[in-house]
PDB file of all heavy atoms in Angstrom:
ATOM      1  N   LYS A   1       0.795  -1.222   0.000  1.00  0.00           N
ATOM      2  CA  LYS A   1       0.000   0.000   0.000  1.00  0.00           C
ATOM      3  C   LYS A   1       0.830   1.276   0.000  1.00  0.00           C
ATOM      4  O   LYS A   1       0.342   2.323  -0.418  1.00  0.00           O
ATOM      5  CB  LYS A   1      -0.963  -0.008   1.180  1.00  0.00           C
ATOM      6  CG  LYS A   1      -2.039  -1.083   1.064  1.00  0.00           C
ATOM      7  CD  LYS A   1      -2.981  -1.079   2.247  1.00  0.00           C
ATOM      8  CE  LYS A   1      -4.020  -2.182   2.118  1.00  0.00           C
ATOM      9  NZ  LYS A   1      -4.922  -2.237   3.293  1.00  0.00           N
ATOM     10  N   VAL A   2       2.073   1.210   0.474  1.00  0.00           N
ATOM     11  CA  VAL A   2       2.907   2.418   0.455  1.00  0.00           C
ATOM     12  C   VAL A   2       3.354   2.757  -0.959  1.00  0.00           C
ATOM     13  O   VAL A   2       3.847   3.861  -1.215  1.00  0.00           O
ATOM     14  CB  VAL A   2       4.145   2.285   1.369  1.00  0.00           C
ATOM     15  CG1 VAL A   2       3.728   2.162   2.819  1.00  0.00           C
ATOM     16  CG2 VAL A   2       5.031   1.119   0.952  1.00  0.00           C
ATOM     17  N   ILE A   3       3.185   1.814  -1.892  1.00  0.00           N
ATOM     18  CA  ILE A   3       3.470   2.086  -3.308  1.00  0.00           C
ATOM     19  C   ILE A   3       2.212   2.664  -3.936  1.00  0.00           C
ATOM     20  O   ILE A   3       1.186   2.001  -4.028  1.00  0.00           O
ATOM     21  CB  ILE A   3       3.933   0.813  -4.034  1.00  0.00           C
ATOM     22  CG1 ILE A   3       5.281   0.364  -3.472  1.00  0.00           C
ATOM     23  CG2 ILE A   3       4.021   1.046  -5.536  1.00  0.00           C
ATOM     24  CD1 ILE A   3       5.822  -0.911  -4.091  1.00  0.00           C
ATOM     25  N   LEU A   4       2.298   3.917  -4.349  1.00  0.00           N
ATOM     26  CA  LEU A   4       1.132   4.638  -4.845  1.00  0.00           C
ATOM     27  C   LEU A   4       0.905   4.433  -6.335  1.00  0.00           C
ATOM     28  O   LEU A   4      -0.229   4.463  -6.807  1.00  0.00           O
ATOM     29  CB  LEU A   4       1.293   6.130  -4.544  1.00  0.00           C
ATOM     30  CG  LEU A   4       1.561   6.493  -3.071  1.00  0.00           C
ATOM     31  CD1 LEU A   4       1.752   7.997  -2.921  1.00  0.00           C
ATOM     32  CD2 LEU A   4       0.436   5.996  -2.177  1.00  0.00           C
ATOM     33  N   ASN A   5       1.990   4.249  -7.071  1.00  0.00           N
ATOM     34  CA  ASN A   5       1.851   4.103  -8.528  1.00  0.00           C
ATOM     35  C   ASN A   5       3.104   3.438  -9.080  1.00  0.00           C
ATOM     36  O   ASN A   5       4.191   3.544  -8.493  1.00  0.00           O
ATOM     37  CB  ASN A   5       1.645   5.466  -9.187  1.00  0.00           C
ATOM     38  CG  ASN A   5       1.116   5.353 -10.608  1.00  0.00           C
ATOM     39  OD1 ASN A   5       0.688   4.285 -11.045  1.00  0.00           O
ATOM     40  ND2 ASN A   5       1.145   6.441 -11.345  1.00  0.00           N
ATOM     41  N   ILE A   6       2.948   2.740 -10.205  1.00  0.00           N
ATOM     42  CA  ILE A   6       4.074   2.127 -10.907  1.00  0.00           C
ATOM     43  C   ILE A   6       3.979   2.529 -12.371  1.00  0.00           C
ATOM     44  O   ILE A   6       2.954   2.283 -13.018  1.00  0.00           O
ATOM     45  CB  ILE A   6       4.059   0.591 -10.797  1.00  0.00           C
ATOM     46  CG1 ILE A   6       3.989   0.152  -9.336  1.00  0.00           C
ATOM     47  CG2 ILE A   6       5.291   0.001 -11.477  1.00  0.00           C
ATOM     48  CD1 ILE A   6       3.823  -1.356  -9.174  1.00  0.00           C
ATOM     49  N   ILE A   7       5.028   3.141 -12.876  1.00  0.00           N
ATOM     50  CA  ILE A   7       5.065   3.584 -14.272  1.00  0.00           C
ATOM     51  C   ILE A   7       6.113   2.739 -14.999  1.00  0.00           C
ATOM     52  O   ILE A   7       7.284   2.723 -14.617  1.00  0.00           O
ATOM     53  CB  ILE A   7       5.397   5.081 -14.372  1.00  0.00           C
ATOM     54  CG1 ILE A   7       4.342   5.888 -13.589  1.00  0.00           C
ATOM     55  CG2 ILE A   7       5.450   5.527 -15.833  1.00  0.00           C
ATOM     56  CD1 ILE A   7       4.721   7.339 -13.393  1.00  0.00           C
ATOM     57  N   GLN A   8       5.684   2.057 -16.046  1.00  0.00           N
ATOM     58  CA  GLN A   8       6.534   1.086 -16.730  1.00  0.00           C
ATOM     59  C   GLN A   8       7.009   1.606 -18.067  1.00  0.00           C
ATOM     60  O   GLN A   8       6.268   2.251 -18.814  1.00  0.00           O
ATOM     61  CB  GLN A   8       5.738  -0.218 -16.912  1.00  0.00           C
ATOM     62  CG  GLN A   8       6.444  -1.290 -17.724  1.00  0.00           C
ATOM     63  CD  GLN A   8       5.946  -1.349 -19.163  1.00  0.00           C
ATOM     64  OE1 GLN A   8       4.776  -1.063 -19.444  1.00  0.00           O
ATOM     65  NE2 GLN A   8       6.827  -1.690 -20.086  1.00  0.00           N
ATOM     66  N   SER A   9       8.280   1.341 -18.382  1.00  0.00           N
ATOM     67  CA  SER A   9       8.786   1.561 -19.737  1.00  0.00           C
ATOM     68  C   SER A   9       9.394   0.254 -20.213  1.00  0.00           C
ATOM     69  O   SER A   9       9.303  -0.773 -19.533  1.00  0.00           O
ATOM     70  CB  SER A   9       9.839   2.681 -19.761  1.00  0.00           C
ATOM     71  OG  SER A   9      11.094   2.201 -19.302  1.00  0.00           O
ATOM     72  N   ASN A  10      10.035   0.270 -21.379  1.00  0.00           N
ATOM     73  CA  ASN A  10      10.551  -0.984 -21.928  1.00  0.00           C
ATOM     74  C   ASN A  10      11.645  -1.605 -21.065  1.00  0.00           C
ATOM     75  O   ASN A  10      11.823  -2.816 -21.059  1.00  0.00           O
ATOM     76  CB  ASN A  10      11.082  -0.774 -23.352  1.00  0.00           C
ATOM     77  CG  ASN A  10      12.245   0.190 -23.402  1.00  0.00           C
ATOM     78  OD1 ASN A  10      12.073   1.374 -23.149  1.00  0.00           O
ATOM     79  ND2 ASN A  10      13.437  -0.296 -23.729  1.00  0.00           N
ATOM     80  N   ASN A  11      12.381  -0.786 -20.284  1.00  0.00           N
ATOM     81  CA  ASN A  11      13.446  -1.351 -19.447  1.00  0.00           C
ATOM     82  C   ASN A  11      13.502  -0.728 -18.060  1.00  0.00           C
ATOM     83  O   ASN A  11      14.551  -0.712 -17.419  1.00  0.00           O
ATOM     84  CB  ASN A  11      14.807  -1.199 -20.137  1.00  0.00           C
ATOM     85  CG  ASN A  11      15.313   0.234 -20.101  1.00  0.00           C
ATOM     86  OD1 ASN A  11      14.527   1.178 -20.195  1.00  0.00           O
ATOM     87  ND2 ASN A  11      16.621   0.408 -19.943  1.00  0.00           N
ATOM     88  N   SER A  12      12.370  -0.212 -17.568  1.00  0.00           N
ATOM     89  CA  SER A  12      12.398   0.409 -16.243  1.00  0.00           C
ATOM     90  C   SER A  12      11.018   0.398 -15.589  1.00  0.00           C
ATOM     91  O   SER A  12       9.994   0.247 -16.253  1.00  0.00           O
ATOM     92  CB  SER A  12      12.902   1.858 -16.343  1.00  0.00           C
ATOM     93  OG  SER A  12      11.940   2.688 -16.973  1.00  0.00           O
ATOM     94  N   LEU A  13      11.039   0.553 -14.275  1.00  0.00           N
ATOM     95  CA  LEU A  13       9.835   0.784 -13.483  1.00  0.00           C
ATOM     96  C   LEU A  13      10.099   1.985 -12.586  1.00  0.00           C
ATOM     97  O   LEU A  13      11.112   2.016 -11.879  1.00  0.00           O
ATOM     98  CB  LEU A  13       9.495  -0.430 -12.614  1.00  0.00           C
ATOM     99  CG  LEU A  13       9.068  -1.717 -13.305  1.00  0.00           C
ATOM    100  CD1 LEU A  13       8.939  -2.840 -12.279  1.00  0.00           C
ATOM    101  CD2 LEU A  13       7.758  -1.526 -14.059  1.00  0.00           C
ATOM    102  N   LEU A  14       9.206   2.953 -12.624  1.00  0.00           N
ATOM    103  CA  LEU A  14       9.290   4.081 -11.709  1.00  0.00           C
ATOM    104  C   LEU A  14       8.279   3.845 -10.598  1.00  0.00           C
ATOM    105  O   LEU A  14       7.079   3.789 -10.842  1.00  0.00           O
ATOM    106  CB  LEU A  14       9.009   5.398 -12.425  1.00  0.00           C
ATOM    107  CG  LEU A  14       8.978   6.652 -11.526  1.00  0.00           C
ATOM    108  CD1 LEU A  14      10.300   6.826 -10.779  1.00  0.00           C
ATOM    109  CD2 LEU A  14       8.653   7.897 -12.352  1.00  0.00           C
ATOM    110  N   ILE A  15       8.770   3.667  -9.376  1.00  0.00           N
ATOM    111  CA  ILE A  15       7.920   3.409  -8.222  1.00  0.00           C
ATOM    112  C   ILE A  15       7.655   4.729  -7.501  1.00  0.00           C
ATOM    113  O   ILE A  15       8.589   5.382  -7.037  1.00  0.00           O
ATOM    114  CB  ILE A  15       8.587   2.420  -7.236  1.00  0.00           C
ATOM    115  CG1 ILE A  15       9.086   1.176  -7.964  1.00  0.00           C
ATOM    116  CG2 ILE A  15       7.648   2.079  -6.093  1.00  0.00           C
ATOM    117  CD1 ILE A  15       8.025   0.326  -8.558  1.00  0.00           C
ATOM    118  N   ILE A  16       6.393   5.131  -7.440  1.00  0.00           N
ATOM    119  CA  ILE A  16       6.003   6.323  -6.670  1.00  0.00           C
ATOM    120  C   ILE A  16       5.472   5.819  -5.331  1.00  0.00           C
ATOM    121  O   ILE A  16       4.561   4.989  -5.294  1.00  0.00           O
ATOM    122  CB  ILE A  16       4.914   7.143  -7.405  1.00  0.00           C
ATOM    123  CG1 ILE A  16       5.361   7.466  -8.843  1.00  0.00           C
ATOM    124  CG2 ILE A  16       4.597   8.410  -6.629  1.00  0.00           C
ATOM    125  CD1 ILE A  16       6.612   8.287  -8.943  1.00  0.00           C
ATOM    126  N   TYR A  17       6.047   6.316  -4.231  1.00  0.00           N
ATOM    127  CA  TYR A  17       5.709   5.762  -2.921  1.00  0.00           C
ATOM    128  C   TYR A  17       5.354   6.867  -1.926  1.00  0.00           C
ATOM    129  O   TYR A  17       5.637   8.057  -2.150  1.00  0.00           O
ATOM    130  CB  TYR A  17       6.876   4.924  -2.386  1.00  0.00           C
ATOM    131  CG  TYR A  17       8.153   5.713  -2.125  1.00  0.00           C
ATOM    132  CD1 TYR A  17       8.445   6.218  -0.857  1.00  0.00           C
ATOM    133  CD2 TYR A  17       9.072   5.944  -3.152  1.00  0.00           C
ATOM    134  CE1 TYR A  17       9.603   6.930  -0.619  1.00  0.00           C
ATOM    135  CE2 TYR A  17      10.231   6.649  -2.927  1.00  0.00           C
ATOM    136  CZ  TYR A  17      10.500   7.145  -1.656  1.00  0.00           C
ATOM    137  OH  TYR A  17      11.642   7.867  -1.423  1.00  0.00           O
ATOM    138  N   ASP A  18       4.740   6.461  -0.829  1.00  0.00           N
ATOM    139  CA  ASP A  18       4.347   7.381   0.237  1.00  0.00           C
ATOM    140  C   ASP A  18       5.547   7.590   1.154  1.00  0.00           C
ATOM    141  O   ASP A  18       5.856   6.753   2.007  1.00  0.00           O
ATOM    142  CB  ASP A  18       3.172   6.781   1.019  1.00  0.00           C
ATOM    143  CG  ASP A  18       2.595   7.741   2.050  1.00  0.00           C
ATOM    144  OD1 ASP A  18       3.276   8.721   2.399  1.00  0.00           O
ATOM    145  OD2 ASP A  18       1.461   7.504   2.515  1.00  0.00           O
ATOM    146  N   ASN A  19       6.246   8.712   0.963  1.00  0.00           N
ATOM    147  CA  ASN A  19       7.470   8.930   1.735  1.00  0.00           C
ATOM    148  C   ASN A  19       7.221   9.349   3.179  1.00  0.00           C
ATOM    149  O   ASN A  19       8.168   9.545   3.948  1.00  0.00           O
ATOM    150  CB  ASN A  19       8.374   9.958   1.040  1.00  0.00           C
ATOM    151  CG  ASN A  19       7.691  11.293   0.831  1.00  0.00           C
ATOM    152  OD1 ASN A  19       6.577  11.512   1.305  1.00  0.00           O
ATOM    153  ND2 ASN A  19       8.345  12.199   0.118  1.00  0.00           N
ATOM    154  N   GLU A  20       5.950   9.475   3.554  1.00  0.00           N
ATOM    155  CA  GLU A  20       5.645   9.728   4.959  1.00  0.00           C
ATOM    156  C   GLU A  20       5.547   8.417   5.748  1.00  0.00           C
ATOM    157  O   GLU A  20       5.583   8.426   6.982  1.00  0.00           O
ATOM    158  CB  GLU A  20       4.326  10.501   5.086  1.00  0.00           C
ATOM    159  CG  GLU A  20       4.409  11.926   4.533  1.00  0.00           C
ATOM    160  CD  GLU A  20       3.131  12.707   4.762  1.00  0.00           C
ATOM    161  OE1 GLU A  20       2.176  12.127   5.310  1.00  0.00           O
ATOM    162  OE2 GLU A  20       3.099  13.894   4.397  1.00  0.00           O
ATOM    163  N   LYS A  21       5.424   7.296   5.033  1.00  0.00           N
ATOM    164  CA  LYS A  21       5.287   5.996   5.697  1.00  0.00           C
ATOM    165  C   LYS A  21       6.512   5.113   5.540  1.00  0.00           C
ATOM    166  O   LYS A  21       6.696   4.163   6.304  1.00  0.00           O
ATOM    167  CB  LYS A  21       4.050   5.270   5.166  1.00  0.00           C
ATOM    168  CG  LYS A  21       2.742   5.950   5.549  1.00  0.00           C
ATOM    169  CD  LYS A  21       1.539   5.140   5.101  1.00  0.00           C
ATOM    170  CE  LYS A  21       0.245   5.800   5.545  1.00  0.00           C
ATOM    171  NZ  LYS A  21      -0.952   5.051   5.109  1.00  0.00           N
ATOM    172  N   VAL A  22       7.335   5.388   4.556  1.00  0.00           N
ATOM    173  CA  VAL A  22       8.536   4.580   4.356  1.00  0.00           C
ATOM    174  C   VAL A  22       9.594   5.455   3.700  1.00  0.00           C
ATOM    175  O   VAL A  22       9.280   6.324   2.887  1.00  0.00           O
ATOM    176  CB  VAL A  22       8.227   3.345   3.483  1.00  0.00           C
ATOM    177  CG1 VAL A  22       7.817   3.741   2.077  1.00  0.00           C
ATOM    178  CG2 VAL A  22       9.398   2.370   3.450  1.00  0.00           C
ATOM    179  N   ASN A  23      10.864   5.234   4.093  1.00  0.00           N
ATOM    180  CA  ASN A  23      11.935   5.989   3.445  1.00  0.00           C
ATOM    181  C   ASN A  23      12.491   5.198   2.264  1.00  0.00           C
ATOM    182  O   ASN A  23      12.191   4.014   2.078  1.00  0.00           O
ATOM    183  CB  ASN A  23      13.033   6.362   4.449  1.00  0.00           C
ATOM    184  CG  ASN A  23      13.733   5.159   5.062  1.00  0.00           C
ATOM    185  OD1 ASN A  23      13.935   4.138   4.401  1.00  0.00           O
ATOM    186  ND2 ASN A  23      14.106   5.261   6.331  1.00  0.00           N
ATOM    187  N   LEU A  24      13.312   5.867   1.494  1.00  0.00           N
ATOM    188  CA  LEU A  24      13.825   5.277   0.258  1.00  0.00           C
ATOM    189  C   LEU A  24      14.631   4.009   0.530  1.00  0.00           C
ATOM    190  O   LEU A  24      14.471   2.987  -0.150  1.00  0.00           O
ATOM    191  CB  LEU A  24      14.698   6.309  -0.469  1.00  0.00           C
ATOM    192  CG  LEU A  24      15.329   5.848  -1.793  1.00  0.00           C
ATOM    193  CD1 LEU A  24      14.271   5.737  -2.861  1.00  0.00           C
ATOM    194  CD2 LEU A  24      16.417   6.822  -2.229  1.00  0.00           C
ATOM    195  N   LYS A  25      15.490   4.049   1.534  1.00  0.00           N
ATOM    196  CA  LYS A  25      16.359   2.910   1.834  1.00  0.00           C
ATOM    197  C   LYS A  25      15.542   1.674   2.204  1.00  0.00           C
ATOM    198  O   LYS A  25      15.826   0.566   1.740  1.00  0.00           O
ATOM    199  CB  LYS A  25      17.307   3.281   2.970  1.00  0.00           C
ATOM    200  CG  LYS A  25      18.325   2.205   3.312  1.00  0.00           C
ATOM    201  CD  LYS A  25      19.259   2.682   4.408  1.00  0.00           C
ATOM    202  CE  LYS A  25      20.273   1.608   4.781  1.00  0.00           C
ATOM    203  NZ  LYS A  25      21.162   2.055   5.878  1.00  0.00           N
ATOM    204  N   SER A  26      14.516   1.867   3.019  1.00  0.00           N
ATOM    205  CA  SER A  26      13.693   0.729   3.446  1.00  0.00           C
ATOM    206  C   SER A  26      12.868   0.178   2.300  1.00  0.00           C
ATOM    207  O   SER A  26      12.680  -1.043   2.189  1.00  0.00           O
ATOM    208  CB  SER A  26      12.764   1.153   4.595  1.00  0.00           C
ATOM    209  OG  SER A  26      13.511   1.482   5.741  1.00  0.00           O
ATOM    210  N   LEU A  27      12.356   1.065   1.440  1.00  0.00           N
ATOM    211  CA  LEU A  27      11.587   0.601   0.283  1.00  0.00           C
ATOM    212  C   LEU A  27      12.467  -0.207  -0.660  1.00  0.00           C
ATOM    213  O   LEU A  27      12.064  -1.257  -1.160  1.00  0.00           O
ATOM    214  CB  LEU A  27      10.975   1.787  -0.461  1.00  0.00           C
ATOM    215  CG  LEU A  27      10.179   1.414  -1.714  1.00  0.00           C
ATOM    216  CD1 LEU A  27       8.966   0.551  -1.366  1.00  0.00           C
ATOM    217  CD2 LEU A  27       9.733   2.656  -2.478  1.00  0.00           C
ATOM    218  N   GLN A  28      13.691   0.276  -0.902  1.00  0.00           N
ATOM    219  CA  GLN A  28      14.595  -0.467  -1.776  1.00  0.00           C
ATOM    220  C   GLN A  28      14.899  -1.844  -1.185  1.00  0.00           C
ATOM    221  O   GLN A  28      14.922  -2.844  -1.913  1.00  0.00           O
ATOM    222  CB  GLN A  28      15.902   0.302  -1.982  1.00  0.00           C
ATOM    223  CG  GLN A  28      16.890  -0.447  -2.878  1.00  0.00           C
ATOM    224  CD  GLN A  28      18.133   0.356  -3.191  1.00  0.00           C
ATOM    225  OE1 GLN A  28      18.110   1.591  -3.193  1.00  0.00           O
ATOM    226  NE2 GLN A  28      19.241  -0.332  -3.442  1.00  0.00           N
ATOM    227  N   HIS A  29      15.122  -1.900   0.114  1.00  0.00           N
ATOM    228  CA  HIS A  29      15.392  -3.189   0.771  1.00  0.00           C
ATOM    229  C   HIS A  29      14.212  -4.136   0.575  1.00  0.00           C
ATOM    230  O   HIS A  29      14.385  -5.320   0.278  1.00  0.00           O
ATOM    231  CB  HIS A  29      15.649  -2.954   2.256  1.00  0.00           C
ATOM    232  CG  HIS A  29      16.284  -4.130   2.961  1.00  0.00           C
ATOM    233  ND1 HIS A  29      15.605  -5.296   3.218  1.00  0.00           N
ATOM    234  CD2 HIS A  29      17.533  -4.303   3.445  1.00  0.00           C
ATOM    235  CE1 HIS A  29      16.407  -6.137   3.837  1.00  0.00           C
ATOM    236  NE2 HIS A  29      17.588  -5.564   3.995  1.00  0.00           N
ATOM    237  N   LEU A  30      12.991  -3.594   0.727  1.00  0.00           N
ATOM    238  CA  LEU A  30      11.789  -4.415   0.554  1.00  0.00           C
ATOM    239  C   LEU A  30      11.679  -4.930  -0.874  1.00  0.00           C
ATOM    240  O   LEU A  30      11.364  -6.105  -1.108  1.00  0.00           O
ATOM    241  CB  LEU A  30      10.548  -3.600   0.909  1.00  0.00           C
ATOM    242  CG  LEU A  30       9.198  -4.303   0.726  1.00  0.00           C
ATOM    243  CD1 LEU A  30       9.086  -5.500   1.667  1.00  0.00           C
ATOM    244  CD2 LEU A  30       8.045  -3.338   0.951  1.00  0.00           C
ATOM    245  N   LEU A  31      11.957  -4.076  -1.854  1.00  0.00           N
ATOM    246  CA  LEU A  31      11.852  -4.490  -3.252  1.00  0.00           C
ATOM    247  C   LEU A  31      12.943  -5.496  -3.606  1.00  0.00           C
ATOM    248  O   LEU A  31      12.713  -6.420  -4.404  1.00  0.00           O
ATOM    249  CB  LEU A  31      11.931  -3.270  -4.166  1.00  0.00           C
ATOM    250  CG  LEU A  31      10.726  -2.324  -4.089  1.00  0.00           C
ATOM    251  CD1 LEU A  31      10.962  -1.082  -4.929  1.00  0.00           C
ATOM    252  CD2 LEU A  31       9.452  -3.025  -4.534  1.00  0.00           C
ATOM    253  N   GLU A  32      14.134  -5.331  -3.024  1.00  0.00           N
ATOM    254  CA  GLU A  32      15.200  -6.312  -3.254  1.00  0.00           C
ATOM    255  C   GLU A  32      14.809  -7.656  -2.659  1.00  0.00           C
ATOM    256  O   GLU A  32      15.064  -8.712  -3.252  1.00  0.00           O
ATOM    257  CB  GLU A  32      16.513  -5.813  -2.649  1.00  0.00           C
ATOM    258  CG  GLU A  32      17.124  -4.654  -3.420  1.00  0.00           C
ATOM    259  CD  GLU A  32      18.363  -4.091  -2.751  1.00  0.00           C
ATOM    260  OE1 GLU A  32      18.597  -4.406  -1.555  1.00  0.00           O
ATOM    261  OE2 GLU A  32      19.101  -3.328  -3.397  1.00  0.00           O
ATOM    262  N   TRP A  33      14.199  -7.618  -1.479  1.00  0.00           N
ATOM    263  CA  TRP A  33      13.701  -8.855  -0.874  1.00  0.00           C
ATOM    264  C   TRP A  33      12.645  -9.494  -1.779  1.00  0.00           C
ATOM    265  O   TRP A  33      12.659 -10.703  -2.016  1.00  0.00           O
ATOM    266  CB  TRP A  33      13.098  -8.548   0.504  1.00  0.00           C
ATOM    267  CG  TRP A  33      12.308  -9.666   1.088  1.00  0.00           C
ATOM    268  CD1 TRP A  33      12.773 -10.701   1.843  1.00  0.00           C
ATOM    269  CD2 TRP A  33      10.896  -9.891   0.940  1.00  0.00           C
ATOM    270  NE1 TRP A  33      11.744 -11.548   2.183  1.00  0.00           N
ATOM    271  CE2 TRP A  33      10.577 -11.080   1.641  1.00  0.00           C
ATOM    272  CE3 TRP A  33       9.867  -9.199   0.301  1.00  0.00           C
ATOM    273  CZ2 TRP A  33       9.280 -11.582   1.716  1.00  0.00           C
ATOM    274  CZ3 TRP A  33       8.579  -9.706   0.377  1.00  0.00           C
ATOM    275  CH2 TRP A  33       8.302 -10.881   1.070  1.00  0.00           C
ATOM    276  N   LEU A  34      11.739  -8.668  -2.292  1.00  0.00           N
ATOM    277  CA  LEU A  34      10.666  -9.167  -3.134  1.00  0.00           C
ATOM    278  C   LEU A  34      11.199  -9.805  -4.408  1.00  0.00           C
ATOM    279  O   LEU A  34      10.680 -10.818  -4.880  1.00  0.00           O
ATOM    280  CB  LEU A  34       9.712  -8.022  -3.478  1.00  0.00           C
ATOM    281  CG  LEU A  34       8.471  -8.352  -4.297  1.00  0.00           C
ATOM    282  CD1 LEU A  34       7.627  -9.395  -3.591  1.00  0.00           C
ATOM    283  CD2 LEU A  34       7.653  -7.102  -4.552  1.00  0.00           C
ATOM    284  N   SER A  35      12.269  -9.226  -4.957  1.00  0.00           N
ATOM    285  CA  SER A  35      12.818  -9.745  -6.211  1.00  0.00           C
ATOM    286  C   SER A  35      13.365 -11.162  -6.044  1.00  0.00           C
ATOM    287  O   SER A  35      13.458 -11.917  -7.019  1.00  0.00           O
ATOM    288  CB  SER A  35      13.925  -8.825  -6.733  1.00  0.00           C
ATOM    289  OG  SER A  35      15.093  -8.916  -5.928  1.00  0.00           O
ATOM    290  N   LEU A  36      13.710 -11.534  -4.812  1.00  0.00           N
ATOM    291  CA  LEU A  36      14.268 -12.866  -4.565  1.00  0.00           C
ATOM    292  C   LEU A  36      13.206 -13.909  -4.250  1.00  0.00           C
ATOM    293  O   LEU A  36      13.509 -15.088  -4.139  1.00  0.00           O
ATOM    294  CB  LEU A  36      15.269 -12.801  -3.396  1.00  0.00           C
ATOM    295  CG  LEU A  36      16.498 -11.913  -3.618  1.00  0.00           C
ATOM    296  CD1 LEU A  36      17.324 -11.834  -2.338  1.00  0.00           C
ATOM    297  CD2 LEU A  36      17.343 -12.424  -4.776  1.00  0.00           C
ATOM    298  N   GLN A  37      11.956 -13.452  -4.078  1.00  0.00           N
ATOM    299  CA  GLN A  37      10.889 -14.376  -3.736  1.00  0.00           C
ATOM    300  C   GLN A  37      10.391 -15.097  -4.982  1.00  0.00           C
ATOM    301  O   GLN A  37      10.336 -14.533  -6.060  1.00  0.00           O
ATOM    302  CB  GLN A  37       9.712 -13.638  -3.078  1.00  0.00           C
ATOM    303  CG  GLN A  37      10.101 -12.828  -1.863  1.00  0.00           C
ATOM    304  CD  GLN A  37      10.876 -13.628  -0.845  1.00  0.00           C
ATOM    305  OE1 GLN A  37      10.456 -14.698  -0.421  1.00  0.00           O
ATOM    306  NE2 GLN A  37      12.031 -13.118  -0.457  1.00  0.00           N
TER     307      GLN A  37
END
């Protein structure tokens, strides 16, 4: 839910997130964890 929007291109994803609920470092850690699942 902290991810507000995802914008896709041919080789990228732009993640728009709620920076009042999560900081950049923690979100990146979460996405890195998710990529391994």
